[in-house]
Amino acid sequence: MWKEEENKLHRSLTFNDFRQAMTFMQQVADVAEELNHHPWWSNMYNKIEIELTTHDEGNTVTERDLKLAKRIDQIYDLMMASGE
């Protein structure tokens, strides 16, 4: 689940393997481009750390972050349910 800390939304995700993590990142990248709002993230094998904040609004959590977080959750939930 998302945690709001230091004016950022943060979530840690775990995948079955590296390939699944990369598939997830590509799907999120497509959404980020669509919304013109991009996450800070890091990846180590099957783990991804994500932080969302709106730099244009003084590095605070805005509706843009909440919207992207919701879409990220949808992608993750669908991927985990389907075992992609």
C-alpha atoms as a PDB file:
ATOM      1  CA  MET A   1       0.000   0.000   0.000  1.00  0.00           C
ATOM      2  CA  TRP A   2       1.017   3.602  -0.501  1.00  0.00           C
ATOM      3  CA  LYS A   3       2.494   5.571   2.403  1.00  0.00           C
ATOM      4  CA  GLU A   4       2.726   9.333   2.442  1.00  0.00           C
ATOM      5  CA  GLU A   5       6.062  10.423   3.917  1.00  0.00           C
ATOM      6  CA  GLU A   6       8.045  13.642   3.502  1.00  0.00           C
ATOM      7  CA  ASN A   7       5.624  15.038   0.892  1.00  0.00           C
ATOM      8  CA  LYS A   8       5.878  11.892  -1.257  1.00  0.00           C
ATOM      9  CA  LEU A   9       3.780   8.820  -1.876  1.00  0.00           C
ATOM     10  CA  HIS A  10       5.923   5.705  -1.530  1.00  0.00           C
ATOM     11  CA  ARG A  11       5.272   2.068  -2.356  1.00  0.00           C
ATOM     12  CA  SER A  12       7.440  -1.058  -2.463  1.00  0.00           C
ATOM     13  CA  LEU A  13       6.407  -3.827  -4.851  1.00  0.00           C
ATOM     14  CA  THR A  14       7.651  -7.392  -5.258  1.00  0.00           C
ATOM     15  CA  PHE A  15       7.325  -9.481  -8.412  1.00  0.00           C
ATOM     16  CA  ASN A  16       7.880 -13.110  -9.320  1.00  0.00           C
ATOM     17  CA  ASP A  17      11.077 -12.330 -11.210  1.00  0.00           C
ATOM     18  CA  PHE A  18      13.049  -9.628 -12.996  1.00  0.00           C
ATOM     19  CA  ARG A  19      11.167 -10.037 -16.279  1.00  0.00           C
ATOM     20  CA  GLN A  20       7.807  -9.458 -14.580  1.00  0.00           C
ATOM     21  CA  ALA A  21       9.203  -6.363 -12.828  1.00  0.00           C
ATOM     22  CA  MET A  22      10.402  -4.974 -16.171  1.00  0.00           C
ATOM     23  CA  THR A  23       7.037  -5.662 -17.819  1.00  0.00           C
ATOM     24  CA  PHE A  24       5.377  -3.746 -14.985  1.00  0.00           C
ATOM     25  CA  MET A  25       7.775  -0.822 -15.378  1.00  0.00           C
ATOM     26  CA  GLN A  26       7.063  -0.600 -19.104  1.00  0.00           C
ATOM     27  CA  GLN A  27       3.311  -0.580 -18.506  1.00  0.00           C
ATOM     28  CA  VAL A  28       3.678   2.150 -15.870  1.00  0.00           C
ATOM     29  CA  ALA A  29       5.964   4.121 -18.204  1.00  0.00           C
ATOM     30  CA  ASP A  30       3.202   4.137 -20.822  1.00  0.00           C
ATOM     31  CA  VAL A  31       0.701   5.480 -18.275  1.00  0.00           C
ATOM     32  CA  ALA A  32       3.205   8.057 -17.001  1.00  0.00           C
ATOM     33  CA  GLU A  33       3.623   9.357 -20.554  1.00  0.00           C
ATOM     34  CA  GLU A  34      -0.155   9.446 -21.020  1.00  0.00           C
ATOM     35  CA  LEU A  35      -0.578  11.460 -17.796  1.00  0.00           C
ATOM     36  CA  ASN A  36       2.622  13.479 -18.327  1.00  0.00           C
ATOM     37  CA  HIS A  37       3.595  12.670 -14.754  1.00  0.00           C
ATOM     38  CA  HIS A  38       6.636  10.527 -14.103  1.00  0.00           C
ATOM     39  CA  PRO A  39       7.662   8.548 -11.020  1.00  0.00           C
ATOM     40  CA  TRP A  40      10.984   8.284  -9.303  1.00  0.00           C
ATOM     41  CA  TRP A  41      11.671   4.583  -9.067  1.00  0.00           C
ATOM     42  CA  SER A  42      14.383   2.029  -8.602  1.00  0.00           C
ATOM     43  CA  ASN A  43      14.611  -1.636  -9.405  1.00  0.00           C
ATOM     44  CA  MET A  44      16.672  -4.463  -7.943  1.00  0.00           C
ATOM     45  CA  TYR A  45      15.880  -7.830  -9.519  1.00  0.00           C
ATOM     46  CA  ASN A  46      12.217  -8.458  -8.561  1.00  0.00           C
ATOM     47  CA  LYS A  47      11.693  -5.420  -6.311  1.00  0.00           C
ATOM     48  CA  ILE A  48      10.623  -1.924  -7.324  1.00  0.00           C
ATOM     49  CA  GLU A  49      10.519   1.156  -5.106  1.00  0.00           C
ATOM     50  CA  ILE A  50       8.323   4.034  -6.302  1.00  0.00           C
ATOM     51  CA  GLU A  51       8.015   7.622  -5.083  1.00  0.00           C
ATOM     52  CA  LEU A  52       5.497  10.124  -6.412  1.00  0.00           C
ATOM     53  CA  THR A  53       5.555  13.858  -5.818  1.00  0.00           C
ATOM     54  CA  THR A  54       4.681  16.886  -7.935  1.00  0.00           C
ATOM     55  CA  HIS A  55       7.780  18.992  -8.476  1.00  0.00           C
ATOM     56  CA  ASP A  56       5.824  21.799 -10.166  1.00  0.00           C
ATOM     57  CA  GLU A  57       3.808  22.258  -6.964  1.00  0.00           C
ATOM     58  CA  GLY A  58       6.782  22.532  -4.621  1.00  0.00           C
ATOM     59  CA  ASN A  59       7.466  18.806  -4.161  1.00  0.00           C
ATOM     60  CA  THR A  60       4.181  17.916  -2.543  1.00  0.00           C
ATOM     61  CA  VAL A  61       1.543  15.254  -3.106  1.00  0.00           C
ATOM     62  CA  THR A  62      -1.174  16.421  -5.489  1.00  0.00           C
ATOM     63  CA  GLU A  63      -4.103  14.949  -7.382  1.00  0.00           C
ATOM     64  CA  ARG A  64      -1.672  14.061 -10.182  1.00  0.00           C
ATOM     65  CA  ASP A  65       0.226  11.771  -7.811  1.00  0.00           C
ATOM     66  CA  LEU A  66      -2.948  10.176  -6.505  1.00  0.00           C
ATOM     67  CA  LYS A  67      -4.176   9.542 -10.048  1.00  0.00           C
ATOM     68  CA  LEU A  68      -0.890   7.912 -11.085  1.00  0.00           C
ATOM     69  CA  ALA A  69      -0.793   5.872  -7.862  1.00  0.00           C
ATOM     70  CA  LYS A  70      -4.270   4.526  -8.611  1.00  0.00           C
ATOM     71  CA  ARG A  71      -3.254   3.512 -12.130  1.00  0.00           C
ATOM     72  CA  ILE A  72      -0.077   1.868 -10.801  1.00  0.00           C
ATOM     73  CA  ASP A  73      -2.179  -0.120  -8.327  1.00  0.00           C
ATOM     74  CA  GLN A  74      -4.471  -1.262 -11.137  1.00  0.00           C
ATOM     75  CA  ILE A  75      -1.538  -2.440 -13.255  1.00  0.00           C
ATOM     76  CA  TYR A  76       0.055  -4.264 -10.316  1.00  0.00           C
ATOM     77  CA  ASP A  77      -3.180  -5.903  -9.175  1.00  0.00           C
ATOM     78  CA  LEU A  78      -4.006  -7.108 -12.690  1.00  0.00           C
ATOM     79  CA  MET A  79      -0.496  -8.439 -13.205  1.00  0.00           C
ATOM     80  CA  MET A  80      -0.483 -10.321  -9.903  1.00  0.00           C
ATOM     81  CA  ALA A  81      -3.950 -11.768 -10.546  1.00  0.00           C
ATOM     82  CA  SER A  82      -3.036 -12.978 -14.029  1.00  0.00           C
ATOM     83  CA  GLY A  83       0.447 -14.193 -13.134  1.00  0.00           C
ATOM     84  CA  GLU A  84       1.918 -12.395 -16.176  1.00  0.00           C
END
